[in-house]
Amino acid sequence: MSCKNPRINTVLEPPLYEWVKESATAQGISISLKLRDIIQQAYELSEDLYWARVGEDRLSTFDKKEAFTHTHVWG
């Protein structure tokens, strides 16, 4: 039977594996679901850091004299 989601096989050092296993058990979920959640959180953090850098870059070139006013934008 094939599964609808792709699978990833990985190797963990024993202390990391034990932490994931204990954390999953404590939450009443499988190790697979726990790792999915950890990867999702890492992805979201990476995305947040990217957009923070983009925002900082844009802020460094912001010129208040050239910015549109609220009235100009929204009428």
PDB file of N, CA and C in Angstrom:
ATOM      1  N   MET A   1       0.853  -1.178   0.000  1.00  0.00           N
ATOM      2  CA  MET A   1       0.000   0.000   0.000  1.00  0.00           C
ATOM      3  C   MET A   1       0.895   1.236   0.000  1.00  0.00           C
ATOM      4  N   SER A   2       0.668   2.097  -0.946  1.00  0.00           N
ATOM      5  CA  SER A   2       1.489   3.311  -0.995  1.00  0.00           C
ATOM      6  C   SER A   2       0.863   4.396  -0.134  1.00  0.00           C
ATOM      7  N   CYS A   3       1.710   5.300   0.297  1.00  0.00           N
ATOM      8  CA  CYS A   3       1.210   6.388   1.139  1.00  0.00           C
ATOM      9  C   CYS A   3       1.108   7.658   0.305  1.00  0.00           C
ATOM     10  N   LYS A   4       0.266   8.578   0.722  1.00  0.00           N
ATOM     11  CA  LYS A   4       0.045   9.783  -0.066  1.00  0.00           C
ATOM     12  C   LYS A   4       1.117  10.849   0.188  1.00  0.00           C
ATOM     13  N   ASN A   5       1.774  10.818   1.335  1.00  0.00           N
ATOM     14  CA  ASN A   5       2.812  11.798   1.647  1.00  0.00           C
ATOM     15  C   ASN A   5       4.190  11.178   1.472  1.00  0.00           C
ATOM     16  N   PRO A   6       5.149  11.971   0.993  1.00  0.00           N
ATOM     17  CA  PRO A   6       6.509  11.438   0.864  1.00  0.00           C
ATOM     18  C   PRO A   6       7.085  11.076   2.227  1.00  0.00           C
ATOM     19  N   ARG A   7       7.987  10.123   2.222  1.00  0.00           N
ATOM     20  CA  ARG A   7       8.640   9.679   3.453  1.00  0.00           C
ATOM     21  C   ARG A   7      10.112  10.025   3.407  1.00  0.00           C
ATOM     22  N   ILE A   8      10.679  10.232   4.584  1.00  0.00           N
ATOM     23  CA  ILE A   8      12.102  10.523   4.718  1.00  0.00           C
ATOM     24  C   ILE A   8      12.675   9.568   5.752  1.00  0.00           C
ATOM     25  N   ASN A   9      13.774   8.948   5.413  1.00  0.00           N
ATOM     26  CA  ASN A   9      14.491   8.119   6.381  1.00  0.00           C
ATOM     27  C   ASN A   9      15.721   8.882   6.828  1.00  0.00           C
ATOM     28  N   THR A  10      15.964   8.886   8.111  1.00  0.00           N
ATOM     29  CA  THR A  10      17.141   9.579   8.630  1.00  0.00           C
ATOM     30  C   THR A  10      17.703   8.807   9.806  1.00  0.00           C
ATOM     31  N   VAL A  11      18.931   9.130  10.158  1.00  0.00           N
ATOM     32  CA  VAL A  11      19.603   8.474  11.275  1.00  0.00           C
ATOM     33  C   VAL A  11      19.870   9.522  12.351  1.00  0.00           C
ATOM     34  N   LEU A  12      19.509   9.203  13.590  1.00  0.00           N
ATOM     35  CA  LEU A  12      19.721  10.109  14.714  1.00  0.00           C
ATOM     36  C   LEU A  12      20.693   9.484  15.701  1.00  0.00           C
ATOM     37  N   GLU A  13      21.460  10.332  16.358  1.00  0.00           N
ATOM     38  CA  GLU A  13      22.306   9.858  17.444  1.00  0.00           C
ATOM     39  C   GLU A  13      21.396   9.413  18.588  1.00  0.00           C
ATOM     40  N   PRO A  14      21.822   8.430  19.365  1.00  0.00           N
ATOM     41  CA  PRO A  14      20.959   7.903  20.436  1.00  0.00           C
ATOM     42  C   PRO A  14      20.361   8.958  21.377  1.00  0.00           C
ATOM     43  N   PRO A  15      21.126   9.960  21.854  1.00  0.00           N
ATOM     44  CA  PRO A  15      20.495  10.932  22.756  1.00  0.00           C
ATOM     45  C   PRO A  15      19.385  11.742  22.076  1.00  0.00           C
ATOM     46  N   LEU A  16      19.584  12.083  20.819  1.00  0.00           N
ATOM     47  CA  LEU A  16      18.558  12.840  20.092  1.00  0.00           C
ATOM     48  C   LEU A  16      17.329  11.969  19.851  1.00  0.00           C
ATOM     49  N   TYR A  17      17.557  10.714  19.476  1.00  0.00           N
ATOM     50  CA  TYR A  17      16.450   9.785  19.279  1.00  0.00           C
ATOM     51  C   TYR A  17      15.642   9.615  20.562  1.00  0.00           C
ATOM     52  N   GLU A  18      16.314   9.461  21.680  1.00  0.00           N
ATOM     53  CA  GLU A  18      15.619   9.290  22.961  1.00  0.00           C
ATOM     54  C   GLU A  18      14.793  10.522  23.310  1.00  0.00           C
ATOM     55  N   TRP A  19      15.347  11.702  23.042  1.00  0.00           N
ATOM     56  CA  TRP A  19      14.599  12.932  23.323  1.00  0.00           C
ATOM     57  C   TRP A  19      13.334  13.001  22.478  1.00  0.00           C
ATOM     58  N   VAL A  20      13.464  12.701  21.176  1.00  0.00           N
ATOM     59  CA  VAL A  20      12.293  12.734  20.285  1.00  0.00           C
ATOM     60  C   VAL A  20      11.269  11.698  20.730  1.00  0.00           C
ATOM     61  N   LYS A  21      11.731  10.503  21.044  1.00  0.00           N
ATOM     62  CA  LYS A  21      10.835   9.423  21.468  1.00  0.00           C
ATOM     63  C   LYS A  21      10.094   9.792  22.752  1.00  0.00           C
ATOM     64  N   GLU A  22      10.827  10.304  23.742  1.00  0.00           N
ATOM     65  CA  GLU A  22      10.198  10.685  25.014  1.00  0.00           C
ATOM     66  C   GLU A  22       9.222  11.845  24.821  1.00  0.00           C
ATOM     67  N   SER A  23       9.598  12.791  23.989  1.00  0.00           N
ATOM     68  CA  SER A  23       8.719  13.930  23.728  1.00  0.00           C
ATOM     69  C   SER A  23       7.440  13.486  23.026  1.00  0.00           C
ATOM     70  N   ALA A  24       7.567  12.603  22.055  1.00  0.00           N
ATOM     71  CA  ALA A  24       6.394  12.084  21.347  1.00  0.00           C
ATOM     72  C   ALA A  24       5.495  11.305  22.297  1.00  0.00           C
ATOM     73  N   THR A  25       6.099  10.456  23.124  1.00  0.00           N
ATOM     74  CA  THR A  25       5.332   9.662  24.095  1.00  0.00           C
ATOM     75  C   THR A  25       4.581  10.573  25.062  1.00  0.00           C
ATOM     76  N   ALA A  26       5.251  11.611  25.530  1.00  0.00           N
ATOM     77  CA  ALA A  26       4.625  12.541  26.475  1.00  0.00           C
ATOM     78  C   ALA A  26       3.425  13.257  25.847  1.00  0.00           C
ATOM     79  N   GLN A  27       3.489  13.480  24.542  1.00  0.00           N
ATOM     80  CA  GLN A  27       2.392  14.158  23.851  1.00  0.00           C
ATOM     81  C   GLN A  27       1.355  13.180  23.300  1.00  0.00           C
ATOM     82  N   GLY A  28       1.641  11.893  23.418  1.00  0.00           N
ATOM     83  CA  GLY A  28       0.703  10.886  22.933  1.00  0.00           C
ATOM     84  C   GLY A  28       0.632  10.801  21.424  1.00  0.00           C
ATOM     85  N   ILE A  29       1.742  11.097  20.753  1.00  0.00           N
ATOM     86  CA  ILE A  29       1.778  11.031  19.291  1.00  0.00           C
ATOM     87  C   ILE A  29       2.946  10.141  18.864  1.00  0.00           C
ATOM     88  N   SER A  30       2.958   9.802  17.588  1.00  0.00           N
ATOM     89  CA  SER A  30       4.033   8.962  17.075  1.00  0.00           C
ATOM     90  C   SER A  30       5.320   9.771  16.898  1.00  0.00           C
ATOM     91  N   ILE A  31       6.423   9.057  16.810  1.00  0.00           N
ATOM     92  CA  ILE A  31       7.705   9.712  16.556  1.00  0.00           C
ATOM     93  C   ILE A  31       7.649  10.438  15.213  1.00  0.00           C
ATOM     94  N   SER A  32       7.016   9.835  14.238  1.00  0.00           N
ATOM     95  CA  SER A  32       6.892  10.444  12.919  1.00  0.00           C
ATOM     96  C   SER A  32       6.162  11.787  12.995  1.00  0.00           C
ATOM     97  N   LEU A  33       5.059  11.825  13.713  1.00  0.00           N
ATOM     98  CA  LEU A  33       4.318  13.080  13.863  1.00  0.00           C
ATOM     99  C   LEU A  33       5.121  14.118  14.635  1.00  0.00           C
ATOM    100  N   LYS A  34       5.847  13.671  15.649  1.00  0.00           N
ATOM    101  CA  LYS A  34       6.675  14.594  16.422  1.00  0.00           C
ATOM    102  C   LYS A  34       7.749  15.218  15.530  1.00  0.00           C
ATOM    103  N   LEU A  35       8.418  14.394  14.725  1.00  0.00           N
ATOM    104  CA  LEU A  35       9.445  14.921  13.824  1.00  0.00           C
ATOM    105  C   LEU A  35       8.842  15.845  12.777  1.00  0.00           C
ATOM    106  N   ARG A  36       7.649  15.515  12.292  1.00  0.00           N
ATOM    107  CA  ARG A  36       6.970  16.401  11.346  1.00  0.00           C
ATOM    108  C   ARG A  36       6.736  17.774  11.982  1.00  0.00           C
ATOM    109  N   ASP A  37       6.289  17.775  13.237  1.00  0.00           N
ATOM    110  CA  ASP A  37       6.037  19.032  13.939  1.00  0.00           C
ATOM    111  C   ASP A  37       7.332  19.825  14.143  1.00  0.00           C
ATOM    112  N   ILE A  38       8.407  19.137  14.498  1.00  0.00           N
ATOM    113  CA  ILE A  38       9.692  19.809  14.704  1.00  0.00           C
ATOM    114  C   ILE A  38      10.189  20.424  13.397  1.00  0.00           C
ATOM    115  N   ILE A  39      10.077  19.678  12.307  1.00  0.00           N
ATOM    116  CA  ILE A  39      10.512  20.194  11.008  1.00  0.00           C
ATOM    117  C   ILE A  39       9.643  21.376  10.590  1.00  0.00           C
ATOM    118  N   GLN A  40       8.346  21.301  10.826  1.00  0.00           N
ATOM    119  CA  GLN A  40       7.438  22.411  10.496  1.00  0.00           C
ATOM    120  C   GLN A  40       7.822  23.665  11.278  1.00  0.00           C
ATOM    121  N   GLN A  41       8.123  23.516  12.551  1.00  0.00           N
ATOM    122  CA  GLN A  41       8.527  24.669  13.362  1.00  0.00           C
ATOM    123  C   GLN A  41       9.842  25.260  12.858  1.00  0.00           C
ATOM    124  N   ALA A  42      10.782  24.402  12.480  1.00  0.00           N
ATOM    125  CA  ALA A  42      12.059  24.885  11.948  1.00  0.00           C
ATOM    126  C   ALA A  42      11.841  25.633  10.633  1.00  0.00           C
ATOM    127  N   TYR A  43      10.948  25.120   9.798  1.00  0.00           N
ATOM    128  CA  TYR A  43      10.619  25.775   8.530  1.00  0.00           C
ATOM    129  C   TYR A  43      10.026  27.160   8.781  1.00  0.00           C
ATOM    130  N   GLU A  44       9.085  27.246   9.700  1.00  0.00           N
ATOM    131  CA  GLU A  44       8.447  28.522  10.010  1.00  0.00           C
ATOM    132  C   GLU A  44       9.457  29.518  10.583  1.00  0.00           C
ATOM    133  N   LEU A  45      10.348  29.056  11.436  1.00  0.00           N
ATOM    134  CA  LEU A  45      11.383  29.923  11.987  1.00  0.00           C
ATOM    135  C   LEU A  45      12.298  30.437  10.882  1.00  0.00           C
ATOM    136  N   SER A  46      12.691  29.559   9.981  1.00  0.00           N
ATOM    137  CA  SER A  46      13.543  29.944   8.859  1.00  0.00           C
ATOM    138  C   SER A  46      12.843  30.986   7.990  1.00  0.00           C
ATOM    139  N   GLU A  47      11.562  30.782   7.759  1.00  0.00           N
ATOM    140  CA  GLU A  47      10.776  31.726   6.972  1.00  0.00           C
ATOM    141  C   GLU A  47      10.686  33.078   7.687  1.00  0.00           C
ATOM    142  N   ASP A  48      10.451  33.062   8.981  1.00  0.00           N
ATOM    143  CA  ASP A  48      10.390  34.309   9.762  1.00  0.00           C
ATOM    144  C   ASP A  48      11.713  35.069   9.694  1.00  0.00           C
ATOM    145  N   LEU A  49      12.828  34.346   9.803  1.00  0.00           N
ATOM    146  CA  LEU A  49      14.141  34.993   9.729  1.00  0.00           C
ATOM    147  C   LEU A  49      14.368  35.601   8.349  1.00  0.00           C
ATOM    148  N   TYR A  50      13.950  34.893   7.304  1.00  0.00           N
ATOM    149  CA  TYR A  50      14.087  35.423   5.943  1.00  0.00           C
ATOM    150  C   TYR A  50      13.320  36.743   5.798  1.00  0.00           C
ATOM    151  N   TRP A  51      12.055  36.749   6.196  1.00  0.00           N
ATOM    152  CA  TRP A  51      11.235  37.949   6.036  1.00  0.00           C
ATOM    153  C   TRP A  51      11.710  39.084   6.948  1.00  0.00           C
ATOM    154  N   ALA A  52      12.280  38.763   8.082  1.00  0.00           N
ATOM    155  CA  ALA A  52      12.863  39.798   8.946  1.00  0.00           C
ATOM    156  C   ALA A  52      14.035  40.469   8.232  1.00  0.00           C
ATOM    157  N   ARG A  53      14.873  39.664   7.557  1.00  0.00           N
ATOM    158  CA  ARG A  53      15.993  40.238   6.798  1.00  0.00           C
ATOM    159  C   ARG A  53      15.491  41.101   5.652  1.00  0.00           C
ATOM    160  N   VAL A  54      14.464  40.637   4.951  1.00  0.00           N
ATOM    161  CA  VAL A  54      13.889  41.424   3.861  1.00  0.00           C
ATOM    162  C   VAL A  54      13.351  42.743   4.407  1.00  0.00           C
ATOM    163  N   GLY A  55      12.668  42.681   5.546  1.00  0.00           N
ATOM    164  CA  GLY A  55      12.133  43.891   6.161  1.00  0.00           C
ATOM    165  C   GLY A  55      13.232  44.857   6.576  1.00  0.00           C
ATOM    166  N   GLU A  56      14.306  44.324   7.151  1.00  0.00           N
ATOM    167  CA  GLU A  56      15.429  45.177   7.558  1.00  0.00           C
ATOM    168  C   GLU A  56      16.076  45.838   6.340  1.00  0.00           C
ATOM    169  N   ASP A  57      16.216  45.088   5.257  1.00  0.00           N
ATOM    170  CA  ASP A  57      16.779  45.664   4.029  1.00  0.00           C
ATOM    171  C   ASP A  57      15.895  46.785   3.499  1.00  0.00           C
ATOM    172  N   ARG A  58      14.590  46.546   3.497  1.00  0.00           N
ATOM    173  CA  ARG A  58      13.668  47.582   3.009  1.00  0.00           C
ATOM    174  C   ARG A  58      13.675  48.799   3.931  1.00  0.00           C
ATOM    175  N   LEU A  59      13.751  48.553   5.227  1.00  0.00           N
ATOM    176  CA  LEU A  59      13.769  49.652   6.179  1.00  0.00           C
ATOM    177  C   LEU A  59      15.016  50.510   6.017  1.00  0.00           C
ATOM    178  N   SER A  60      16.125  49.893   5.657  1.00  0.00           N
ATOM    179  CA  SER A  60      17.374  50.644   5.506  1.00  0.00           C
ATOM    180  C   SER A  60      17.334  51.594   4.310  1.00  0.00           C
ATOM    181  N   THR A  61      16.446  51.359   3.355  1.00  0.00           N
ATOM    182  CA  THR A  61      16.342  52.243   2.187  1.00  0.00           C
ATOM    183  C   THR A  61      15.092  53.128   2.244  1.00  0.00           C
ATOM    184  N   PHE A  62      14.353  53.052   3.339  1.00  0.00           N
ATOM    185  CA  PHE A  62      13.118  53.829   3.461  1.00  0.00           C
ATOM    186  C   PHE A  62      13.421  55.320   3.573  1.00  0.00           C
ATOM    187  N   ASP A  63      12.714  56.109   2.778  1.00  0.00           N
ATOM    188  CA  ASP A  63      12.838  57.559   2.826  1.00  0.00           C
ATOM    189  C   ASP A  63      11.451  58.141   3.073  1.00  0.00           C
ATOM    190  N   LYS A  64      11.260  58.723   4.238  1.00  0.00           N
ATOM    191  CA  LYS A  64       9.942  59.221   4.621  1.00  0.00           C
ATOM    192  C   LYS A  64       9.428  60.280   3.647  1.00  0.00           C
ATOM    193  N   LYS A  65      10.335  61.049   3.057  1.00  0.00           N
ATOM    194  CA  LYS A  65       9.923  62.083   2.109  1.00  0.00           C
ATOM    195  C   LYS A  65       9.318  61.511   0.836  1.00  0.00           C
ATOM    196  N   GLU A  66       9.713  60.295   0.462  1.00  0.00           N
ATOM    197  CA  GLU A  66       9.192  59.668  -0.753  1.00  0.00           C
ATOM    198  C   GLU A  66       8.036  58.713  -0.478  1.00  0.00           C
ATOM    199  N   ALA A  67       7.729  58.464   0.773  1.00  0.00           N
ATOM    200  CA  ALA A  67       6.675  57.511   1.131  1.00  0.00           C
ATOM    201  C   ALA A  67       5.299  58.101   0.864  1.00  0.00           C
ATOM    202  N   PHE A  68       4.376  57.238   0.480  1.00  0.00           N
ATOM    203  CA  PHE A  68       2.994  57.666   0.293  1.00  0.00           C
ATOM    204  C   PHE A  68       2.330  57.843   1.651  1.00  0.00           C
ATOM    205  N   THR A  69       1.448  58.804   1.733  1.00  0.00           N
ATOM    206  CA  THR A  69       0.660  59.015   2.959  1.00  0.00           C
ATOM    207  C   THR A  69      -0.530  58.061   2.966  1.00  0.00           C
ATOM    208  N   HIS A  70      -1.144  57.936   4.109  1.00  0.00           N
ATOM    209  CA  HIS A  70      -2.357  57.099   4.225  1.00  0.00           C
ATOM    210  C   HIS A  70      -3.440  57.617   3.270  1.00  0.00           C
ATOM    211  N   THR A  71      -3.617  58.908   3.249  1.00  0.00           N
ATOM    212  CA  THR A  71      -4.640  59.502   2.382  1.00  0.00           C
ATOM    213  C   THR A  71      -4.334  59.242   0.917  1.00  0.00           C
ATOM    214  N   HIS A  72      -3.061  59.326   0.543  1.00  0.00           N
ATOM    215  CA  HIS A  72      -2.681  59.092  -0.860  1.00  0.00           C
ATOM    216  C   HIS A  72      -3.010  57.648  -1.254  1.00  0.00           C
ATOM    217  N   VAL A  73      -2.762  56.713  -0.394  1.00  0.00           N
ATOM    218  CA  VAL A  73      -2.973  55.313  -0.722  1.00  0.00           C
ATOM    219  C   VAL A  73      -4.450  54.941  -0.662  1.00  0.00           C
ATOM    220  N   TRP A  74      -5.143  55.340   0.383  1.00  0.00           N
ATOM    221  CA  TRP A  74      -6.515  54.885   0.621  1.00  0.00           C
ATOM    222  C   TRP A  74      -7.584  55.901   0.237  1.00  0.00           C
ATOM    223  N   GLY A  75      -7.151  57.066  -0.205  1.00  0.00           N
ATOM    224  CA  GLY A  75      -8.119  58.050  -0.700  1.00  0.00           C
ATOM    225  C   GLY A  75      -8.641  58.897   0.339  1.00  0.00           C
TER     226      GLY A  75
END
